[in-house]
Amino acid sequence: MTAYMVVILDCTDPAWVADYRANVPGLIEKAGGKYMALSRAPIQLEGDGDVPQTVAIVSYPSVEAAQAFFASEEYRPYAEARKRGAVTTIYLVDEVPPA
């Protein structure tokens, strides 16, 4: 069943961004992932927390495919660069099966 990776990101040092944008979308696609949404101006409808700079949603064919991408050796250097230059929260959620 489809799984969605929800990425909430605030960039603190943009040095990593160009390399990440140039390479990670191809790795996501190779893992069966597809960007469903990417907003650099998310609108907060509810809640007291700060609005993040970026929210992205990426679909994968399964939870296992998303986890494999996230743990992959190919993605690791980009993840490490992102961690050094951003405050990120990432969720992985299952698709709700039809009723």
PDB file of N, CA and C in Angstrom:
ATOM      1  N   MET A   1       0.841  -1.177   0.000  1.00  0.00           N
ATOM      2  CA  MET A   1       0.000   0.000   0.000  1.00  0.00           C
ATOM      3  C   MET A   1       0.890   1.245   0.000  1.00  0.00           C
ATOM      4  N   THR A   2       0.447   2.280  -0.653  1.00  0.00           N
ATOM      5  CA  THR A   2       1.203   3.524  -0.762  1.00  0.00           C
ATOM      6  C   THR A   2       1.506   4.108   0.610  1.00  0.00           C
ATOM      7  N   ALA A   3       2.712   4.655   0.734  1.00  0.00           N
ATOM      8  CA  ALA A   3       3.127   5.357   1.948  1.00  0.00           C
ATOM      9  C   ALA A   3       3.577   6.755   1.552  1.00  0.00           C
ATOM     10  N   TYR A   4       3.427   7.684   2.466  1.00  0.00           N
ATOM     11  CA  TYR A   4       3.786   9.079   2.206  1.00  0.00           C
ATOM     12  C   TYR A   4       4.819   9.546   3.220  1.00  0.00           C
ATOM     13  N   MET A   5       5.893  10.127   2.705  1.00  0.00           N
ATOM     14  CA  MET A   5       6.900  10.744   3.550  1.00  0.00           C
ATOM     15  C   MET A   5       6.584  12.234   3.592  1.00  0.00           C
ATOM     16  N   VAL A   6       6.370  12.745   4.791  1.00  0.00           N
ATOM     17  CA  VAL A   6       6.049  14.159   4.987  1.00  0.00           C
ATOM     18  C   VAL A   6       7.272  14.810   5.624  1.00  0.00           C
ATOM     19  N   VAL A   7       7.836  15.779   4.922  1.00  0.00           N
ATOM     20  CA  VAL A   7       9.071  16.432   5.351  1.00  0.00           C
ATOM     21  C   VAL A   7       8.758  17.879   5.720  1.00  0.00           C
ATOM     22  N   ILE A   8       9.116  18.257   6.937  1.00  0.00           N
ATOM     23  CA  ILE A   8       8.931  19.626   7.427  1.00  0.00           C
ATOM     24  C   ILE A   8      10.329  20.167   7.702  1.00  0.00           C
ATOM     25  N   LEU A   9      10.702  21.245   7.010  1.00  0.00           N
ATOM     26  CA  LEU A   9      12.098  21.666   7.009  1.00  0.00           C
ATOM     27  C   LEU A   9      12.250  23.169   7.173  1.00  0.00           C
ATOM     28  N   ASP A  10      13.218  23.541   7.995  1.00  0.00           N
ATOM     29  CA  ASP A  10      13.656  24.928   8.128  1.00  0.00           C
ATOM     30  C   ASP A  10      15.154  24.956   7.864  1.00  0.00           C
ATOM     31  N   CYS A  11      15.560  25.618   6.801  1.00  0.00           N
ATOM     32  CA  CYS A  11      16.958  25.692   6.399  1.00  0.00           C
ATOM     33  C   CYS A  11      17.706  26.684   7.288  1.00  0.00           C
ATOM     34  N   THR A  12      18.859  26.252   7.799  1.00  0.00           N
ATOM     35  CA  THR A  12      19.694  27.122   8.630  1.00  0.00           C
ATOM     36  C   THR A  12      20.979  27.526   7.918  1.00  0.00           C
ATOM     37  N   ASP A  13      21.388  26.737   6.914  1.00  0.00           N
ATOM     38  CA  ASP A  13      22.576  27.023   6.113  1.00  0.00           C
ATOM     39  C   ASP A  13      22.344  26.431   4.728  1.00  0.00           C
ATOM     40  N   PRO A  14      22.134  27.269   3.707  1.00  0.00           N
ATOM     41  CA  PRO A  14      21.752  26.775   2.385  1.00  0.00           C
ATOM     42  C   PRO A  14      22.883  26.146   1.569  1.00  0.00           C
ATOM     43  N   ALA A  15      24.058  25.949   2.135  1.00  0.00           N
ATOM     44  CA  ALA A  15      25.187  25.411   1.377  1.00  0.00           C
ATOM     45  C   ALA A  15      24.891  24.034   0.774  1.00  0.00           C
ATOM     46  N   TRP A  16      24.050  23.257   1.363  1.00  0.00           N
ATOM     47  CA  TRP A  16      23.749  21.894   0.927  1.00  0.00           C
ATOM     48  C   TRP A  16      22.651  21.822  -0.133  1.00  0.00           C
ATOM     49  N   VAL A  17      21.874  22.875  -0.277  1.00  0.00           N
ATOM     50  CA  VAL A  17      20.617  22.814  -1.028  1.00  0.00           C
ATOM     51  C   VAL A  17      20.816  22.521  -2.515  1.00  0.00           C
ATOM     52  N   ALA A  18      21.728  23.188  -3.192  1.00  0.00           N
ATOM     53  CA  ALA A  18      21.889  23.004  -4.643  1.00  0.00           C
ATOM     54  C   ALA A  18      22.249  21.560  -4.979  1.00  0.00           C
ATOM     55  N   ASP A  19      23.180  20.979  -4.252  1.00  0.00           N
ATOM     56  CA  ASP A  19      23.584  19.596  -4.499  1.00  0.00           C
ATOM     57  C   ASP A  19      22.436  18.637  -4.202  1.00  0.00           C
ATOM     58  N   TYR A  20      21.694  18.898  -3.144  1.00  0.00           N
ATOM     59  CA  TYR A  20      20.548  18.069  -2.769  1.00  0.00           C
ATOM     60  C   TYR A  20      19.491  18.103  -3.874  1.00  0.00           C
ATOM     61  N   ARG A  21      19.144  19.301  -4.320  1.00  0.00           N
ATOM     62  CA  ARG A  21      18.122  19.442  -5.373  1.00  0.00           C
ATOM     63  C   ARG A  21      18.557  18.802  -6.681  1.00  0.00           C
ATOM     64  N   ALA A  22      19.854  18.835  -6.967  1.00  0.00           N
ATOM     65  CA  ALA A  22      20.358  18.272  -8.222  1.00  0.00           C
ATOM     66  C   ALA A  22      20.373  16.747  -8.212  1.00  0.00           C
ATOM     67  N   ASN A  23      20.476  16.140  -7.046  1.00  0.00           N
ATOM     68  CA  ASN A  23      20.690  14.696  -6.989  1.00  0.00           C
ATOM     69  C   ASN A  23      19.595  13.875  -6.320  1.00  0.00           C
ATOM     70  N   VAL A  24      18.952  14.408  -5.313  1.00  0.00           N
ATOM     71  CA  VAL A  24      18.001  13.603  -4.542  1.00  0.00           C
ATOM     72  C   VAL A  24      16.722  13.260  -5.309  1.00  0.00           C
ATOM     73  N   PRO A  25      16.155  14.160  -6.123  1.00  0.00           N
ATOM     74  CA  PRO A  25      14.952  13.750  -6.862  1.00  0.00           C
ATOM     75  C   PRO A  25      15.159  12.487  -7.709  1.00  0.00           C
ATOM     76  N   GLY A  26      16.322  12.331  -8.312  1.00  0.00           N
ATOM     77  CA  GLY A  26      16.614  11.118  -9.079  1.00  0.00           C
ATOM     78  C   GLY A  26      16.690   9.886  -8.202  1.00  0.00           C
ATOM     79  N   LEU A  27      17.242  10.031  -7.013  1.00  0.00           N
ATOM     80  CA  LEU A  27      17.302   8.906  -6.075  1.00  0.00           C
ATOM     81  C   LEU A  27      15.909   8.528  -5.586  1.00  0.00           C
ATOM     82  N   ILE A  28      15.084   9.537  -5.346  1.00  0.00           N
ATOM     83  CA  ILE A  28      13.698   9.284  -4.938  1.00  0.00           C
ATOM     84  C   ILE A  28      12.965   8.518  -6.036  1.00  0.00           C
ATOM     85  N   GLU A  29      13.114   8.972  -7.270  1.00  0.00           N
ATOM     86  CA  GLU A  29      12.459   8.306  -8.403  1.00  0.00           C
ATOM     87  C   GLU A  29      12.957   6.871  -8.550  1.00  0.00           C
ATOM     88  N   LYS A  30      14.259   6.675  -8.416  1.00  0.00           N
ATOM     89  CA  LYS A  30      14.853   5.336  -8.514  1.00  0.00           C
ATOM     90  C   LYS A  30      14.265   4.393  -7.464  1.00  0.00           C
ATOM     91  N   ALA A  31      13.909   4.938  -6.301  1.00  0.00           N
ATOM     92  CA  ALA A  31      13.325   4.145  -5.215  1.00  0.00           C
ATOM     93  C   ALA A  31      11.815   3.972  -5.362  1.00  0.00           C
ATOM     94  N   GLY A  32      11.258   4.468  -6.461  1.00  0.00           N
ATOM     95  CA  GLY A  32       9.820   4.353  -6.679  1.00  0.00           C
ATOM     96  C   GLY A  32       9.028   5.510  -6.113  1.00  0.00           C
ATOM     97  N   GLY A  33       9.722   6.535  -5.618  1.00  0.00           N
ATOM     98  CA  GLY A  33       9.054   7.683  -5.018  1.00  0.00           C
ATOM     99  C   GLY A  33       8.673   8.738  -6.038  1.00  0.00           C
ATOM    100  N   LYS A  34       7.726   9.566  -5.637  1.00  0.00           N
ATOM    101  CA  LYS A  34       7.247  10.647  -6.504  1.00  0.00           C
ATOM    102  C   LYS A  34       6.826  11.818  -5.623  1.00  0.00           C
ATOM    103  N   TYR A  35       7.348  13.017  -5.961  1.00  0.00           N
ATOM    104  CA  TYR A  35       6.911  14.211  -5.234  1.00  0.00           C
ATOM    105  C   TYR A  35       5.427  14.449  -5.491  1.00  0.00           C
ATOM    106  N   MET A  36       4.653  14.558  -4.423  1.00  0.00           N
ATOM    107  CA  MET A  36       3.227  14.847  -4.529  1.00  0.00           C
ATOM    108  C   MET A  36       2.957  16.320  -4.250  1.00  0.00           C
ATOM    109  N   ALA A  37       3.773  16.919  -3.377  1.00  0.00           N
ATOM    110  CA  ALA A  37       3.621  18.335  -3.028  1.00  0.00           C
ATOM    111  C   ALA A  37       4.959  18.848  -2.525  1.00  0.00           C
ATOM    112  N   LEU A  38       5.231  20.099  -2.840  1.00  0.00           N
ATOM    113  CA  LEU A  38       6.421  20.783  -2.336  1.00  0.00           C
ATOM    114  C   LEU A  38       6.073  22.253  -2.239  1.00  0.00           C
ATOM    115  N   SER A  39       6.054  22.766  -1.017  1.00  0.00           N
ATOM    116  CA  SER A  39       5.689  24.164  -0.818  1.00  0.00           C
ATOM    117  C   SER A  39       6.757  24.882  -0.023  1.00  0.00           C
ATOM    118  N   ARG A  40       7.177  26.006  -0.547  1.00  0.00           N
ATOM    119  CA  ARG A  40       8.095  26.866   0.190  1.00  0.00           C
ATOM    120  C   ARG A  40       7.333  28.017   0.849  1.00  0.00           C
ATOM    121  N   ALA A  41       6.016  27.920   0.820  1.00  0.00           N
ATOM    122  CA  ALA A  41       5.160  28.909   1.484  1.00  0.00           C
ATOM    123  C   ALA A  41       3.911  28.208   2.026  1.00  0.00           C
ATOM    124  N   PRO A  42       4.099  27.231   2.943  1.00  0.00           N
ATOM    125  CA  PRO A  42       2.930  26.527   3.468  1.00  0.00           C
ATOM    126  C   PRO A  42       2.024  27.465   4.259  1.00  0.00           C
ATOM    127  N   ILE A  43       0.759  27.181   4.213  1.00  0.00           N
ATOM    128  CA  ILE A  43      -0.243  27.990   4.913  1.00  0.00           C
ATOM    129  C   ILE A  43      -0.683  27.229   6.157  1.00  0.00           C
ATOM    130  N   GLN A  44      -0.549  27.840   7.302  1.00  0.00           N
ATOM    131  CA  GLN A  44      -0.947  27.218   8.561  1.00  0.00           C
ATOM    132  C   GLN A  44      -2.423  27.478   8.805  1.00  0.00           C
ATOM    133  N   LEU A  45      -3.190  26.411   8.906  1.00  0.00           N
ATOM    134  CA  LEU A  45      -4.621  26.528   9.164  1.00  0.00           C
ATOM    135  C   LEU A  45      -4.952  26.428  10.647  1.00  0.00           C
ATOM    136  N   GLU A  46      -4.089  25.770  11.405  1.00  0.00           N
ATOM    137  CA  GLU A  46      -4.358  25.586  12.829  1.00  0.00           C
ATOM    138  C   GLU A  46      -3.049  25.294  13.542  1.00  0.00           C
ATOM    139  N   GLY A  47      -3.003  25.618  14.806  1.00  0.00           N
ATOM    140  CA  GLY A  47      -1.834  25.314  15.622  1.00  0.00           C
ATOM    141  C   GLY A  47      -1.081  26.557  16.034  1.00  0.00           C
ATOM    142  N   ASP A  48      -0.261  26.397  17.067  1.00  0.00           N
ATOM    143  CA  ASP A  48       0.462  27.520  17.631  1.00  0.00           C
ATOM    144  C   ASP A  48       1.926  27.568  17.220  1.00  0.00           C
ATOM    145  N   GLY A  49       2.437  26.526  16.614  1.00  0.00           N
ATOM    146  CA  GLY A  49       3.851  26.487  16.248  1.00  0.00           C
ATOM    147  C   GLY A  49       4.170  27.401  15.082  1.00  0.00           C
ATOM    148  N   ASP A  50       5.454  27.620  14.879  1.00  0.00           N
ATOM    149  CA  ASP A  50       5.905  28.424  13.750  1.00  0.00           C
ATOM    150  C   ASP A  50       5.630  27.702  12.438  1.00  0.00           C
ATOM    151  N   VAL A  51       5.363  28.458  11.393  1.00  0.00           N
ATOM    152  CA  VAL A  51       5.164  27.895  10.057  1.00  0.00           C
ATOM    153  C   VAL A  51       6.539  27.538   9.497  1.00  0.00           C
ATOM    154  N   PRO A  52       6.729  26.304   9.034  1.00  0.00           N
ATOM    155  CA  PRO A  52       8.031  25.930   8.493  1.00  0.00           C
ATOM    156  C   PRO A  52       8.295  26.604   7.147  1.00  0.00           C
ATOM    157  N   GLN A  53       9.559  26.678   6.773  1.00  0.00           N
ATOM    158  CA  GLN A  53       9.932  27.249   5.479  1.00  0.00           C
ATOM    159  C   GLN A  53       9.484  26.359   4.326  1.00  0.00           C
ATOM    160  N   THR A  54       9.573  25.038   4.527  1.00  0.00           N
ATOM    161  CA  THR A  54       9.291  24.096   3.448  1.00  0.00           C
ATOM    162  C   THR A  54       8.536  22.890   3.985  1.00  0.00           C
ATOM    163  N   VAL A  55       7.550  22.434   3.221  1.00  0.00           N
ATOM    164  CA  VAL A  55       6.871  21.171   3.482  1.00  0.00           C
ATOM    165  C   VAL A  55       6.848  20.399   2.168  1.00  0.00           C
ATOM    166  N   ALA A  56       7.256  19.137   2.223  1.00  0.00           N
ATOM    167  CA  ALA A  56       7.226  18.278   1.040  1.00  0.00           C
ATOM    168  C   ALA A  56       6.506  16.985   1.387  1.00  0.00           C
ATOM    169  N   ILE A  57       5.812  16.438   0.400  1.00  0.00           N
ATOM    170  CA  ILE A  57       5.163  15.136   0.539  1.00  0.00           C
ATOM    171  C   ILE A  57       5.605  14.291  -0.644  1.00  0.00           C
ATOM    172  N   VAL A  58       6.173  13.120  -0.328  1.00  0.00           N
ATOM    173  CA  VAL A  58       6.665  12.205  -1.355  1.00  0.00           C
ATOM    174  C   VAL A  58       5.952  10.873  -1.173  1.00  0.00           C
ATOM    175  N   SER A  59       5.381  10.337  -2.250  1.00  0.00           N
ATOM    176  CA  SER A  59       4.721   9.032  -2.167  1.00  0.00           C
ATOM    177  C   SER A  59       5.705   7.934  -2.559  1.00  0.00           C
ATOM    178  N   TYR A  60       5.534   6.782  -1.948  1.00  0.00           N
ATOM    179  CA  TYR A  60       6.322   5.582  -2.254  1.00  0.00           C
ATOM    180  C   TYR A  60       5.351   4.422  -2.394  1.00  0.00           C
ATOM    181  N   PRO A  61       5.735   3.384  -3.117  1.00  0.00           N
ATOM    182  CA  PRO A  61       4.812   2.262  -3.295  1.00  0.00           C
ATOM    183  C   PRO A  61       4.503   1.508  -2.003  1.00  0.00           C
ATOM    184  N   SER A  62       5.364   1.650  -0.988  1.00  0.00           N
ATOM    185  CA  SER A  62       5.137   0.957   0.283  1.00  0.00           C
ATOM    186  C   SER A  62       5.972   1.617   1.377  1.00  0.00           C
ATOM    187  N   VAL A  63       5.641   1.298   2.618  1.00  0.00           N
ATOM    188  CA  VAL A  63       6.445   1.759   3.752  1.00  0.00           C
ATOM    189  C   VAL A  63       7.870   1.236   3.604  1.00  0.00           C
ATOM    190  N   GLU A  64       7.991  -0.015   3.190  1.00  0.00           N
ATOM    191  CA  GLU A  64       9.310  -0.626   3.048  1.00  0.00           C
ATOM    192  C   GLU A  64      10.158   0.091   2.005  1.00  0.00           C
ATOM    193  N   ALA A  65       9.547   0.506   0.887  1.00  0.00           N
ATOM    194  CA  ALA A  65      10.282   1.233  -0.152  1.00  0.00           C
ATOM    195  C   ALA A  65      10.768   2.581   0.373  1.00  0.00           C
ATOM    196  N   ALA A  66       9.929   3.263   1.133  1.00  0.00           N
ATOM    197  CA  ALA A  66      10.318   4.556   1.709  1.00  0.00           C
ATOM    198  C   ALA A  66      11.446   4.378   2.717  1.00  0.00           C
ATOM    199  N   GLN A  67      11.335   3.373   3.560  1.00  0.00           N
ATOM    200  CA  GLN A  67      12.376   3.121   4.555  1.00  0.00           C
ATOM    201  C   GLN A  67      13.689   2.721   3.891  1.00  0.00           C
ATOM    202  N   ALA A  68      13.611   1.935   2.816  1.00  0.00           N
ATOM    203  CA  ALA A  68      14.820   1.529   2.095  1.00  0.00           C
ATOM    204  C   ALA A  68      15.511   2.740   1.480  1.00  0.00           C
ATOM    205  N   PHE A  69      14.734   3.639   0.881  1.00  0.00           N
ATOM    206  CA  PHE A  69      15.322   4.868   0.340  1.00  0.00           C
ATOM    207  C   PHE A  69      16.002   5.656   1.446  1.00  0.00           C
ATOM    208  N   PHE A  70      15.305   5.870   2.540  1.00  0.00           N
ATOM    209  CA  PHE A  70      15.795   6.722   3.620  1.00  0.00           C
ATOM    210  C   PHE A  70      17.074   6.162   4.243  1.00  0.00           C
ATOM    211  N   ALA A  71      17.216   4.837   4.268  1.00  0.00           N
ATOM    212  CA  ALA A  71      18.386   4.186   4.861  1.00  0.00           C
ATOM    213  C   ALA A  71      19.480   3.872   3.841  1.00  0.00           C
ATOM    214  N   SER A  72      19.265   4.211   2.574  1.00  0.00           N
ATOM    215  CA  SER A  72      20.198   3.801   1.521  1.00  0.00           C
ATOM    216  C   SER A  72      21.544   4.518   1.606  1.00  0.00           C
ATOM    217  N   GLU A  73      22.580   3.804   1.180  1.00  0.00           N
ATOM    218  CA  GLU A  73      23.929   4.376   1.112  1.00  0.00           C
ATOM    219  C   GLU A  73      23.978   5.534   0.123  1.00  0.00           C
ATOM    220  N   GLU A  74      23.211   5.448  -0.957  1.00  0.00           N
ATOM    221  CA  GLU A  74      23.194   6.526  -1.956  1.00  0.00           C
ATOM    222  C   GLU A  74      22.651   7.830  -1.367  1.00  0.00           C
ATOM    223  N   TYR A  75      21.632   7.728  -0.545  1.00  0.00           N
ATOM    224  CA  TYR A  75      21.013   8.922   0.023  1.00  0.00           C
ATOM    225  C   TYR A  75      21.793   9.475   1.217  1.00  0.00           C
ATOM    226  N   ARG A  76      22.540   8.636   1.894  1.00  0.00           N
ATOM    227  CA  ARG A  76      23.195   9.007   3.153  1.00  0.00           C
ATOM    228  C   ARG A  76      23.981  10.323   3.109  1.00  0.00           C
ATOM    229  N   PRO A  77      24.858  10.579   2.112  1.00  0.00           N
ATOM    230  CA  PRO A  77      25.608  11.844   2.149  1.00  0.00           C
ATOM    231  C   PRO A  77      24.711  13.075   2.022  1.00  0.00           C
ATOM    232  N   TYR A  78      23.625  12.946   1.292  1.00  0.00           N
ATOM    233  CA  TYR A  78      22.687  14.071   1.140  1.00  0.00           C
ATOM    234  C   TYR A  78      21.901  14.287   2.434  1.00  0.00           C
ATOM    235  N   ALA A  79      21.531  13.186   3.091  1.00  0.00           N
ATOM    236  CA  ALA A  79      20.832  13.294   4.376  1.00  0.00           C
ATOM    237  C   ALA A  79      21.734  13.947   5.418  1.00  0.00           C
ATOM    238  N   GLU A  80      22.996  13.555   5.442  1.00  0.00           N
ATOM    239  CA  GLU A  80      23.930  14.141   6.406  1.00  0.00           C
ATOM    240  C   GLU A  80      24.113  15.632   6.147  1.00  0.00           C
ATOM    241  N   ALA A  81      24.227  16.022   4.883  1.00  0.00           N
ATOM    242  CA  ALA A  81      24.360  17.446   4.543  1.00  0.00           C
ATOM    243  C   ALA A  81      23.108  18.212   4.963  1.00  0.00           C
ATOM    244  N   ARG A  82      21.933  17.617   4.707  1.00  0.00           N
ATOM    245  CA  ARG A  82      20.676  18.254   5.108  1.00  0.00           C
ATOM    246  C   ARG A  82      20.614  18.428   6.617  1.00  0.00           C
ATOM    247  N   LYS A  83      21.023  17.408   7.348  1.00  0.00           N
ATOM    248  CA  LYS A  83      20.997  17.481   8.813  1.00  0.00           C
ATOM    249  C   LYS A  83      21.907  18.583   9.345  1.00  0.00           C
ATOM    250  N   ARG A  84      23.032  18.807   8.666  1.00  0.00           N
ATOM    251  CA  ARG A  84      23.949  19.868   9.102  1.00  0.00           C
ATOM    252  C   ARG A  84      23.400  21.257   8.790  1.00  0.00           C
ATOM    253  N   GLY A  85      22.567  21.366   7.735  1.00  0.00           N
ATOM    254  CA  GLY A  85      22.126  22.679   7.287  1.00  0.00           C
ATOM    255  C   GLY A  85      20.650  22.966   7.430  1.00  0.00           C
ATOM    256  N   ALA A  86      19.933  22.130   8.185  1.00  0.00           N
ATOM    257  CA  ALA A  86      18.495  22.356   8.338  1.00  0.00           C
ATOM    258  C   ALA A  86      17.994  21.676   9.606  1.00  0.00           C
ATOM    259  N   VAL A  87      16.894  22.188  10.099  1.00  0.00           N
ATOM    260  CA  VAL A  87      16.145  21.528  11.169  1.00  0.00           C
ATOM    261  C   VAL A  87      14.975  20.846  10.471  1.00  0.00           C
ATOM    262  N   THR A  88      14.932  19.526  10.573  1.00  0.00           N
ATOM    263  CA  THR A  88      13.973  18.754   9.794  1.00  0.00           C
ATOM    264  C   THR A  88      13.208  17.784  10.685  1.00  0.00           C
ATOM    265  N   THR A  89      11.912  17.661  10.425  1.00  0.00           N
ATOM    266  CA  THR A  89      11.087  16.612  11.009  1.00  0.00           C
ATOM    267  C   THR A  89      10.502  15.839   9.843  1.00  0.00           C
ATOM    268  N   ILE A  90      10.603  14.507   9.896  1.00  0.00           N
ATOM    269  CA  ILE A  90      10.125  13.673   8.796  1.00  0.00           C
ATOM    270  C   ILE A  90       9.204  12.599   9.367  1.00  0.00           C
ATOM    271  N   TYR A  91       8.029  12.482   8.767  1.00  0.00           N
ATOM    272  CA  TYR A  91       7.055  11.459   9.147  1.00  0.00           C
ATOM    273  C   TYR A  91       6.854  10.508   7.975  1.00  0.00           C
ATOM    274  N   LEU A  92       6.554   9.259   8.275  1.00  0.00           N
ATOM    275  CA  LEU A  92       6.168   8.288   7.264  1.00  0.00           C
ATOM    276  C   LEU A  92       4.788   7.780   7.649  1.00  0.00           C
ATOM    277  N   VAL A  93       3.824   7.939   6.749  1.00  0.00           N
ATOM    278  CA  VAL A  93       2.444   7.556   7.047  1.00  0.00           C
ATOM    279  C   VAL A  93       1.902   6.637   5.960  1.00  0.00           C
ATOM    280  N   ASP A  94       1.074   5.696   6.374  1.00  0.00           N
ATOM    281  CA  ASP A  94       0.408   4.779   5.444  1.00  0.00           C
ATOM    282  C   ASP A  94      -0.788   5.444   4.801  1.00  0.00           C
ATOM    283  N   GLU A  95      -1.076   5.014   3.595  1.00  0.00           N
ATOM    284  CA  GLU A  95      -2.313   5.427   2.944  1.00  0.00           C
ATOM    285  C   GLU A  95      -3.477   4.740   3.658  1.00  0.00           C
ATOM    286  N   VAL A  96      -4.589   5.419   3.753  1.00  0.00           N
ATOM    287  CA  VAL A  96      -5.784   4.831   4.355  1.00  0.00           C
ATOM    288  C   VAL A  96      -6.449   3.945   3.306  1.00  0.00           C
ATOM    289  N   PRO A  97      -6.663   2.659   3.620  1.00  0.00           N
ATOM    290  CA  PRO A  97      -7.316   1.796   2.641  1.00  0.00           C
ATOM    291  C   PRO A  97      -8.762   2.224   2.416  1.00  0.00           C
ATOM    292  N   PRO A  98      -9.271   1.973   1.208  1.00  0.00           N
ATOM    293  CA  PRO A  98     -10.666   2.344   0.939  1.00  0.00           C
ATOM    294  C   PRO A  98     -11.618   1.606   1.875  1.00  0.00           C
ATOM    295  N   ALA A  99     -12.680   2.275   2.254  1.00  0.00           N
ATOM    296  CA  ALA A  99     -13.668   1.674   3.170  1.00  0.00           C
ATOM    297  C   ALA A  99     -14.543   0.691   2.445  1.00  0.00           C
TER     298      ALA A  99
END
